[in-house]
Amino acid sequence: MHRRMPCAGSPLSRRQFLQVGAIGGLGLSLGDALRLQAADTARKARAESIIHIFLPGGMAHQESWDPKPLAPVEYRGEMASIPTKLEGVQFNECLKHTAQIADKLTIVRSMTHGEAAHERGVHNMFTGYRPSPALIFPSFGSVVSHELGVRNNLPPYVAVPSIVANDAGSGYLSSAYGPFSLGSDPANQGFQVKDLTLPGDVSPERFTSRRHMLDAVNEHFAKTEKSDKLDAMDTFYQRAYGLISSEKARLAFDINQENAKLRDEYGRNAAGQRFLMARRLVEAGVRFVTCHYSGWDYHNGITKETRNNLPQFDQGFAALIRDLSARGLLEKTLVMVSSEFGRTPKINGTAGRDHWPKVFSVVLAGGGIKAGSVYGRSDSIAAEPEDDALTVEDLSHTVYECLGIDPEKKLMSPGDRPIDIVREGKTRKELLA
């Protein structure tokens, strides 16, 4: 908790005098302290919410955001590239819709880390930390939930349709900060979010009565036991009550409220409807939505598989950016597209590409991010970063900065050990608007 410092020129209270004395003991003047306070106050959120679109499997940067049309065919692959709204910048042939909104994006072509296994790569990209046998780190969504809390009776962290892995959970933080999962796919016929309606035999009055009884039980246990599970369960029931009792909150999850034409624009498929649900949720007040669209582990036949999978993403993602922009939401919603790693520079013997974490691409938009730019560069065969390598720590630092969360703050682990939200790394100012 930050202590309030006196305004310049105002008299000091006894408590403030003691605080200033403590500051002096650290070698800081009152002027230094006031400057530090001003710098801390200046950290304002550029984004109110974040949509993290994760593409599990390891999306090939060469067959998406960073094609190499001048490289030999064994490196560039069989697919063509197309121009975008950014002069001299090309995307894969299947990203024709996204090419038309490239002026709203920042394409990072120099993302890098050292984890070539799926599980370790996913952990890296969801937490900003390399996996550790000693500690499970919390995901971005759980940190945001912990730091920013509930808004409009909606869970602060929602997974669409479910969490991609345990790495997207609360880690060493209380499980109360874990994600609320939809439980089914918004693209399915008859889609309905679990646990948002009362059973037919339970009236609102009966539900309220049960809640009061639960409060009494919780109070008893709170006086006799201290347990994360008890705290998390109490938080779960409180949020469940908020969802069920708030019509506005329940409607946020009802994708059938959307105009049919808009649903068609996103695409009546897994990618399109998940991205549309993500937009509904941030518009209603959810702070962090993680949204996954699977199927990128192309060790075999990468050209065919990309042509099957990428067009759905392309349609839905371009529609999401346009929709957020039209509603005035893009400037306060950070959109991030990532994968656990990229693919090998050279096509393998089965016409695919294998795991490659040395360089790959991430896409950012909105929420304080510079629009219409390319950050960093891979080399001529997309094997290494050539300029401005971006580490996972740097990306995490920058994302938290956009959300108004101090990336250098320390959180407490179960053993009351302070752990940095991000260890090392720095905010990349070049990515910010």
Protein backbone atom coordinates (compact mmCIF):
# COMPACT_ATOMS: atom_id res chain seq x y z
CA MET A 1 0.00 0.00 0.00
CA HIS A 2 1.38 3.41 -0.95
CA ARG A 3 1.47 5.96 1.87
CA ARG A 4 0.18 9.44 1.11
CA MET A 5 2.83 12.12 1.20
CA PRO A 6 2.01 15.71 2.11
CA CYS A 7 1.40 18.26 -0.63
CA ALA A 8 4.16 20.83 -1.09
CA GLY A 9 3.68 23.73 1.31
CA SER A 10 1.27 21.93 3.67
CA PRO A 11 2.11 21.42 7.37
CA LEU A 12 3.32 17.98 8.41
CA SER A 13 1.33 15.86 10.84
CA ARG A 14 3.24 13.84 13.46
CA ARG A 15 2.77 10.68 11.38
CA GLN A 16 3.95 12.41 8.21
CA PHE A 17 6.93 13.83 10.09
CA LEU A 18 7.91 10.31 11.16
CA GLN A 19 7.48 9.07 7.59
CA VAL A 20 9.78 11.82 6.32
CA GLY A 21 12.29 10.88 9.02
CA ALA A 22 12.21 7.28 7.81
CA ILE A 23 12.70 8.48 4.24
CA GLY A 24 15.71 10.52 5.36
CA GLY A 25 17.14 7.42 6.96
CA LEU A 26 17.12 5.83 3.52
CA GLY A 27 19.12 8.71 2.11
CA LEU A 28 16.16 10.36 0.39
CA SER A 29 15.09 13.96 0.75
CA LEU A 30 11.44 15.01 0.93
CA GLY A 31 11.84 16.30 -2.63
CA ASP A 32 13.06 12.86 -3.74
CA ALA A 33 10.08 11.25 -2.04
CA LEU A 34 7.64 13.62 -3.70
CA ARG A 35 9.19 12.95 -7.10
CA LEU A 36 8.89 9.21 -6.50
CA GLN A 37 5.26 9.69 -5.50
CA ALA A 38 4.61 11.76 -8.62
CA ALA A 39 6.20 9.09 -10.80
CA ASP A 40 4.07 6.42 -9.16
CA THR A 41 0.90 8.49 -9.57
CA ALA A 42 1.79 9.07 -13.22
CA ARG A 43 1.40 5.36 -13.98
CA LYS A 44 -2.05 5.48 -15.47
CA ALA A 45 -3.73 2.60 -17.23
CA ARG A 46 -3.74 2.89 -20.99
CA ALA A 47 -6.00 -0.16 -21.19
CA GLU A 48 -9.00 -1.14 -19.07
CA SER A 49 -9.19 -4.70 -20.41
CA ILE A 50 -7.17 -7.23 -22.36
CA ILE A 51 -8.13 -9.92 -24.86
CA HIS A 52 -5.38 -12.51 -25.14
CA ILE A 53 -5.90 -14.70 -28.21
CA PHE A 54 -3.69 -17.74 -27.82
CA LEU A 55 -2.94 -20.11 -30.70
CA PRO A 56 -1.81 -23.41 -29.13
CA GLY A 57 0.60 -25.65 -30.97
CA GLY A 58 3.15 -23.12 -32.15
CA MET A 59 1.99 -20.95 -35.05
CA ALA A 60 4.52 -20.70 -37.89
CA HIS A 61 5.66 -17.11 -38.21
CA GLN A 62 6.70 -17.81 -41.82
CA GLU A 63 3.14 -18.88 -42.72
CA SER A 64 1.51 -15.95 -40.95
CA TRP A 65 3.03 -12.62 -39.87
CA ASP A 66 6.60 -12.87 -41.15
CA PRO A 67 6.74 -14.47 -44.62
CA LYS A 68 10.09 -14.54 -46.39
CA PRO A 69 9.23 -14.20 -50.10
CA LEU A 70 12.88 -13.73 -51.12
CA ALA A 71 14.22 -16.75 -49.24
CA PRO A 72 14.92 -20.07 -51.04
CA VAL A 73 11.79 -22.23 -51.33
CA GLU A 74 13.02 -24.72 -48.70
CA TYR A 75 12.86 -21.83 -46.20
CA ARG A 76 9.97 -19.70 -47.43
CA GLY A 77 7.65 -22.67 -48.07
CA GLU A 78 5.00 -23.03 -50.77
CA MET A 79 2.61 -20.28 -49.71
CA ALA A 80 2.42 -16.81 -51.21
CA SER A 81 2.45 -13.49 -49.39
CA ILE A 82 0.22 -10.46 -49.88
CA PRO A 83 0.65 -6.70 -49.31
CA THR A 84 -0.96 -5.00 -46.32
CA LYS A 85 -2.01 -1.46 -45.48
CA LEU A 86 1.52 -0.91 -44.20
CA GLU A 87 3.94 -0.02 -46.96
CA GLY A 88 6.44 -2.81 -47.62
CA VAL A 89 4.87 -5.15 -45.04
CA GLN A 90 3.50 -8.49 -46.20
CA PHE A 91 1.40 -11.20 -44.54
CA ASN A 92 0.59 -14.77 -45.50
CA GLU A 93 -1.87 -15.16 -48.40
CA CYS A 94 -4.62 -16.37 -46.01
CA LEU A 95 -4.57 -13.15 -43.95
CA LYS A 96 -6.39 -11.08 -46.56
CA HIS A 97 -8.87 -9.53 -44.09
CA THR A 98 -6.21 -8.79 -41.47
CA ALA A 99 -4.01 -7.20 -44.16
CA GLN A 100 -6.68 -4.51 -44.50
CA ILE A 101 -6.56 -3.57 -40.81
CA ALA A 102 -2.77 -3.81 -40.43
CA ASP A 103 -2.69 -0.06 -39.85
CA LYS A 104 -4.32 -0.72 -36.45
CA LEU A 105 -1.74 -3.34 -35.39
CA THR A 106 1.82 -3.66 -34.19
CA ILE A 107 3.51 -6.77 -35.57
CA VAL A 108 6.35 -8.01 -33.37
CA ARG A 109 8.68 -10.11 -35.54
CA SER A 110 11.46 -10.60 -33.00
CA MET A 111 9.82 -12.46 -30.10
CA THR A 112 12.28 -14.94 -28.56
CA HIS A 113 12.75 -17.40 -25.71
CA GLY A 114 14.49 -20.74 -25.17
CA GLU A 115 11.68 -23.23 -24.50
CA ALA A 116 11.03 -25.69 -27.36
CA ALA A 117 8.60 -27.98 -25.48
CA HIS A 118 4.88 -27.14 -25.68
CA GLU A 119 4.22 -27.15 -21.93
CA ARG A 120 7.23 -25.00 -21.10
CA GLY A 121 6.54 -22.60 -23.95
CA VAL A 122 2.90 -22.18 -22.89
CA HIS A 123 3.97 -21.47 -19.31
CA ASN A 124 6.42 -18.87 -20.56
CA MET A 125 3.84 -17.06 -22.68
CA PHE A 126 1.10 -17.11 -20.02
CA THR A 127 3.16 -16.10 -16.99
CA GLY A 128 6.24 -14.22 -18.19
CA TYR A 129 8.37 -16.75 -16.31
CA ARG A 130 10.32 -19.83 -17.30
CA PRO A 131 8.89 -22.91 -15.55
CA SER A 132 10.32 -23.66 -12.12
CA PRO A 133 10.16 -26.93 -10.16
CA ALA A 134 9.93 -24.91 -6.95
CA LEU A 135 7.01 -22.60 -7.72
CA ILE A 136 4.00 -22.36 -10.02
CA PHE A 137 3.70 -18.81 -11.29
CA PRO A 138 0.35 -17.08 -11.80
CA SER A 139 -0.88 -16.30 -15.30
CA PHE A 140 -1.39 -12.78 -16.63
CA GLY A 141 -5.13 -13.14 -16.10
CA SER A 142 -4.78 -14.14 -12.46
CA VAL A 143 -2.39 -11.28 -11.73
CA VAL A 144 -4.84 -8.86 -13.36
CA SER A 145 -7.68 -10.39 -11.32
CA HIS A 146 -5.62 -9.99 -8.13
CA GLU A 147 -4.57 -6.40 -8.86
CA LEU A 148 -7.68 -4.93 -10.49
CA GLY A 149 -10.56 -6.95 -9.06
CA VAL A 150 -14.22 -7.32 -10.02
CA ARG A 151 -16.12 -4.86 -12.21
CA ASN A 152 -19.87 -4.84 -12.93
CA ASN A 153 -20.49 -8.12 -11.06
CA LEU A 154 -18.50 -9.98 -13.71
CA PRO A 155 -15.55 -12.30 -13.10
CA PRO A 156 -12.37 -10.32 -13.71
CA TYR A 157 -10.78 -13.25 -15.59
CA VAL A 158 -12.70 -15.39 -18.09
CA ALA A 159 -11.47 -18.24 -20.31
CA VAL A 160 -13.22 -18.75 -23.65
CA PRO A 161 -14.21 -21.54 -23.91
CA SER A 162 -11.88 -23.01 -21.25
CA ILE A 163 -8.31 -22.67 -20.00
CA VAL A 164 -5.75 -23.93 -22.49
CA ALA A 165 -3.55 -25.43 -19.74
CA ASN A 166 -2.91 -25.24 -16.01
CA ASP A 167 -0.35 -22.55 -16.85
CA ALA A 168 -3.30 -20.20 -17.42
CA GLY A 169 -4.33 -20.54 -13.76
CA SER A 170 -3.61 -18.73 -10.51
CA GLY A 171 -0.29 -20.41 -9.64
CA TYR A 172 0.91 -19.49 -6.17
CA LEU A 173 -1.90 -16.93 -5.77
CA SER A 174 -5.19 -18.01 -4.23
CA SER A 175 -7.38 -20.07 -6.54
CA ALA A 176 -9.95 -17.30 -6.06
CA TYR A 177 -8.02 -15.48 -8.81
CA GLY A 178 -8.34 -18.31 -11.30
CA PRO A 179 -10.37 -18.01 -14.51
CA PHE A 180 -14.10 -18.50 -14.91
CA SER A 181 -14.46 -20.92 -17.85
CA LEU A 182 -17.50 -20.90 -20.12
CA GLY A 183 -17.57 -24.69 -20.19
CA SER A 184 -18.74 -24.92 -23.82
CA ASP A 185 -17.98 -23.34 -27.18
CA PRO A 186 -19.94 -20.21 -28.24
CA ALA A 187 -19.94 -21.63 -31.79
CA ASN A 188 -22.04 -24.63 -30.70
CA GLN A 189 -25.75 -24.82 -31.39
CA GLY A 190 -27.69 -24.19 -28.18
CA PHE A 191 -24.61 -22.69 -26.49
CA GLN A 192 -25.21 -21.88 -22.84
CA VAL A 193 -22.75 -20.96 -20.12
CA LYS A 194 -22.84 -23.36 -17.20
CA ASP A 195 -23.96 -22.25 -13.76
CA LEU A 196 -25.56 -18.95 -14.80
CA THR A 197 -29.19 -19.90 -14.22
CA LEU A 198 -31.02 -21.22 -11.17
CA PRO A 199 -32.42 -24.76 -11.21
CA GLY A 200 -36.14 -24.81 -12.04
CA ASP A 201 -37.18 -25.62 -8.47
CA VAL A 202 -35.16 -22.78 -6.89
CA SER A 203 -36.80 -19.35 -6.77
CA PRO A 204 -34.79 -16.13 -6.34
CA GLU A 205 -36.11 -15.89 -2.76
CA ARG A 206 -34.99 -19.43 -1.98
CA PHE A 207 -31.59 -18.74 -3.51
CA THR A 208 -31.18 -15.60 -1.35
CA SER A 209 -32.15 -17.59 1.75
CA ARG A 210 -29.54 -20.22 0.92
CA ARG A 211 -26.97 -17.49 0.47
CA HIS A 212 -27.67 -16.11 3.94
CA MET A 213 -27.28 -19.59 5.42
CA LEU A 214 -24.00 -20.01 3.53
CA ASP A 215 -22.76 -16.68 4.91
CA ALA A 216 -23.41 -17.93 8.45
CA VAL A 217 -21.52 -21.18 7.81
CA ASN A 218 -18.62 -19.29 6.20
CA GLU A 219 -18.41 -16.94 9.16
CA HIS A 220 -18.12 -19.88 11.54
CA PHE A 221 -15.31 -21.50 9.55
CA ALA A 222 -13.53 -18.19 9.05
CA LYS A 223 -13.25 -17.87 12.84
CA THR A 224 -11.89 -21.39 13.32
CA GLU A 225 -9.81 -22.09 10.20
CA LYS A 226 -7.55 -20.26 7.81
CA SER A 227 -7.46 -21.88 4.38
CA ASP A 228 -6.97 -20.75 0.81
CA LYS A 229 -9.60 -23.27 -0.25
CA LEU A 230 -12.16 -21.76 2.13
CA ASP A 231 -11.35 -18.23 0.94
CA ALA A 232 -11.49 -19.30 -2.68
CA MET A 233 -14.81 -21.11 -2.20
CA ASP A 234 -16.30 -18.06 -0.51
CA THR A 235 -15.12 -15.90 -3.41
CA PHE A 236 -16.59 -18.42 -5.85
CA TYR A 237 -20.02 -18.28 -4.17
CA GLN A 238 -19.96 -14.49 -3.98
CA ARG A 239 -19.19 -14.21 -7.69
CA ALA A 240 -21.74 -16.88 -8.58
CA TYR A 241 -24.38 -14.94 -6.65
CA GLY A 242 -23.40 -11.75 -8.44
CA LEU A 243 -23.69 -13.43 -11.83
CA ILE A 244 -27.00 -15.12 -11.18
CA SER A 245 -28.61 -12.12 -9.51
CA SER A 246 -27.48 -9.58 -12.13
CA GLU A 247 -29.41 -9.61 -15.39
CA LYS A 248 -26.79 -7.40 -17.04
CA ALA A 249 -24.00 -9.78 -16.06
CA ARG A 250 -25.86 -12.83 -17.35
CA LEU A 251 -26.67 -11.11 -20.63
CA ALA A 252 -22.98 -10.47 -21.24
CA PHE A 253 -22.55 -14.22 -21.75
CA ASP A 254 -25.54 -14.55 -24.08
CA ILE A 255 -24.06 -14.44 -27.56
CA ASN A 256 -27.54 -14.84 -29.06
CA GLN A 257 -28.15 -11.19 -28.16
CA GLU A 258 -25.79 -10.23 -30.99
CA ASN A 259 -27.07 -9.14 -34.39
CA ALA A 260 -27.07 -12.08 -36.82
CA LYS A 261 -25.25 -10.05 -39.47
CA LEU A 262 -22.43 -9.23 -37.05
CA ARG A 263 -22.13 -12.88 -36.08
CA ASP A 264 -21.77 -13.69 -39.78
CA GLU A 265 -19.06 -11.04 -40.13
CA TYR A 266 -17.04 -12.70 -37.39
CA GLY A 267 -17.67 -16.12 -38.94
CA ARG A 268 -19.99 -18.85 -37.67
CA ASN A 269 -17.08 -20.98 -36.56
CA ALA A 270 -14.93 -21.57 -33.48
CA ALA A 271 -12.55 -18.66 -34.06
CA GLY A 272 -15.19 -16.08 -35.00
CA GLN A 273 -17.66 -16.82 -32.23
CA ARG A 274 -14.99 -17.03 -29.54
CA PHE A 275 -13.58 -13.67 -30.56
CA LEU A 276 -17.09 -12.18 -30.60
CA MET A 277 -17.74 -13.53 -27.11
CA ALA A 278 -14.47 -11.96 -25.96
CA ARG A 279 -15.63 -8.59 -27.25
CA ARG A 280 -18.99 -8.93 -25.46
CA LEU A 281 -17.22 -9.69 -22.20
CA VAL A 282 -14.76 -6.80 -22.21
CA GLU A 283 -17.54 -4.45 -23.26
CA ALA A 284 -19.56 -5.60 -20.23
CA GLY A 285 -16.66 -5.18 -17.79
CA VAL A 286 -14.49 -8.33 -17.75
CA ARG A 287 -10.91 -7.24 -17.29
CA PHE A 288 -9.04 -10.15 -18.88
CA VAL A 289 -10.32 -12.64 -21.45
CA THR A 290 -8.11 -15.47 -22.63
CA CYS A 291 -9.41 -16.97 -25.83
CA HIS A 292 -7.76 -19.93 -27.53
CA TYR A 293 -8.06 -21.26 -31.06
CA SER A 294 -6.18 -24.53 -31.47
CA GLY A 295 -4.44 -26.47 -34.20
CA TRP A 296 -1.02 -25.02 -35.16
CA ASP A 297 1.40 -27.89 -34.52
CA TYR A 298 2.16 -28.60 -38.17
CA HIS A 299 5.04 -31.05 -38.31
CA ASN A 300 3.44 -32.41 -41.49
CA GLY A 301 1.79 -30.74 -44.48
CA ILE A 302 1.99 -27.18 -43.20
CA THR A 303 0.64 -25.61 -46.40
CA LYS A 304 -2.57 -27.65 -46.42
CA GLU A 305 -3.14 -27.30 -42.69
CA THR A 306 -2.55 -23.54 -42.74
CA ARG A 307 -5.03 -23.09 -45.58
CA ASN A 308 -7.58 -25.06 -43.55
CA ASN A 309 -7.13 -23.16 -40.28
CA LEU A 310 -5.83 -19.64 -40.89
CA PRO A 311 -8.81 -18.21 -42.87
CA GLN A 312 -11.16 -18.67 -39.88
CA PHE A 313 -8.71 -16.83 -37.64
CA ASP A 314 -8.23 -14.13 -40.29
CA GLN A 315 -11.95 -13.39 -40.63
CA GLY A 316 -12.65 -13.41 -36.90
CA PHE A 317 -9.60 -11.40 -35.88
CA ALA A 318 -10.14 -8.66 -38.47
CA ALA A 319 -13.82 -8.45 -37.46
CA LEU A 320 -12.82 -8.16 -33.79
CA ILE A 321 -10.45 -5.26 -34.42
CA ARG A 322 -12.99 -3.46 -36.61
CA ASP A 323 -15.79 -4.05 -34.10
CA LEU A 324 -13.77 -2.84 -31.12
CA SER A 325 -12.72 0.23 -33.09
CA ALA A 326 -16.28 1.05 -34.22
CA ARG A 327 -17.53 0.85 -30.60
CA GLY A 328 -14.75 3.05 -29.25
CA LEU A 329 -13.37 0.10 -27.30
CA LEU A 330 -10.07 -0.49 -29.09
CA GLU A 331 -8.26 2.42 -27.48
CA LYS A 332 -9.00 0.97 -24.01
CA THR A 333 -8.75 -2.74 -24.85
CA LEU A 334 -5.34 -4.30 -25.40
CA VAL A 335 -5.52 -7.21 -27.87
CA MET A 336 -2.62 -9.67 -27.92
CA VAL A 337 -2.19 -12.63 -30.29
CA SER A 338 0.50 -15.11 -29.29
CA SER A 339 1.59 -18.73 -29.53
CA GLU A 340 4.04 -20.76 -27.44
CA PHE A 341 6.80 -20.56 -30.07
CA GLY A 342 7.37 -20.48 -33.83
CA ARG A 343 8.51 -23.09 -36.33
CA THR A 344 11.84 -24.14 -37.78
CA PRO A 345 13.31 -22.02 -40.59
CA LYS A 346 13.62 -24.95 -42.99
CA ILE A 347 10.76 -27.16 -44.21
CA ASN A 348 11.29 -30.72 -42.91
CA GLY A 349 11.05 -34.05 -44.72
CA THR A 350 7.28 -34.32 -44.20
CA ALA A 351 6.52 -30.86 -45.64
CA GLY A 352 6.07 -29.32 -42.19
CA ARG A 353 8.05 -27.32 -39.67
CA ASP A 354 9.17 -28.32 -36.16
CA HIS A 355 9.33 -26.36 -32.88
CA TRP A 356 11.43 -23.19 -32.88
CA PRO A 357 11.49 -20.72 -29.95
CA LYS A 358 14.48 -18.65 -31.11
CA VAL A 359 12.31 -16.23 -33.05
CA PHE A 360 8.57 -15.94 -33.73
CA SER A 361 5.82 -13.34 -33.99
CA VAL A 362 3.32 -11.72 -31.63
CA VAL A 363 0.64 -9.20 -32.61
CA LEU A 364 -0.58 -6.33 -30.42
CA ALA A 365 -3.33 -3.75 -30.92
CA GLY A 366 -5.23 -1.08 -29.00
CA GLY A 367 -4.90 -0.28 -25.30
CA GLY A 368 -2.01 2.15 -25.60
CA ILE A 369 -0.07 0.19 -28.24
CA LYS A 370 1.32 2.02 -31.25
CA ALA A 371 -0.83 1.44 -34.34
CA GLY A 372 0.48 0.59 -37.80
CA SER A 373 4.01 -0.51 -37.00
CA VAL A 374 6.40 -3.45 -37.14
CA TYR A 375 8.64 -4.00 -34.12
CA GLY A 376 11.87 -5.91 -34.54
CA ARG A 377 13.00 -8.07 -37.39
CA SER A 378 14.00 -11.67 -37.96
CA ASP A 379 16.89 -12.56 -40.25
CA SER A 380 16.52 -13.48 -43.92
CA ILE A 381 15.42 -17.06 -43.22
CA ALA A 382 13.40 -16.34 -40.01
CA ALA A 383 15.87 -18.20 -37.81
CA GLU A 384 17.05 -15.53 -35.34
CA PRO A 385 16.12 -12.01 -34.27
CA GLU A 386 18.14 -9.55 -36.32
CA ASP A 387 16.99 -6.35 -34.62
CA ASP A 388 15.30 -5.51 -31.30
CA ALA A 389 14.84 -9.00 -29.86
CA LEU A 390 11.80 -9.00 -27.55
CA THR A 391 11.97 -11.29 -24.54
CA VAL A 392 9.00 -12.74 -22.68
CA GLU A 393 9.93 -10.56 -19.72
CA ASP A 394 9.93 -7.42 -21.88
CA LEU A 395 6.54 -8.31 -23.36
CA SER A 396 5.09 -8.99 -19.89
CA HIS A 397 6.51 -5.75 -18.52
CA THR A 398 4.94 -3.80 -21.39
CA VAL A 399 1.53 -5.49 -21.08
CA TYR A 400 1.33 -4.79 -17.33
CA GLU A 401 2.42 -1.19 -17.92
CA CYS A 402 -0.47 -0.75 -20.38
CA LEU A 403 -2.90 -2.05 -17.75
CA GLY A 404 -1.60 0.34 -15.11
CA ILE A 405 -0.10 -2.47 -13.03
CA ASP A 406 3.40 -1.86 -11.68
CA PRO A 407 5.44 -4.68 -13.25
CA GLU A 408 8.06 -4.28 -10.52
CA LYS A 409 5.60 -4.83 -7.70
CA LYS A 410 6.08 -7.89 -5.54
CA LEU A 411 3.33 -10.41 -4.74
CA MET A 412 3.40 -12.71 -1.75
CA SER A 413 3.85 -16.45 -2.25
CA PRO A 414 2.25 -18.97 0.19
CA GLY A 415 5.40 -18.89 2.34
CA ASP A 416 5.16 -15.08 2.59
CA ARG A 417 8.04 -14.76 0.20
CA PRO A 418 7.88 -11.66 -2.04
CA ILE A 419 7.93 -12.56 -5.76
CA ASP A 420 8.28 -10.05 -8.58
CA ILE A 421 5.28 -9.80 -10.91
CA VAL A 422 7.92 -9.72 -13.66
CA ARG A 423 11.51 -10.63 -12.96
CA GLU A 424 13.92 -8.60 -15.07
CA GLY A 425 12.77 -7.21 -18.41
CA LYS A 426 11.69 -3.65 -19.14
CA THR A 427 8.82 -1.80 -20.72
CA ARG A 428 9.53 -1.36 -24.43
CA LYS A 429 8.52 2.24 -24.94
CA GLU A 430 8.82 1.78 -28.71
CA LEU A 431 5.69 -0.40 -28.59
CA LEU A 432 3.59 2.28 -26.92
CA ALA A 433 1.55 4.97 -28.61
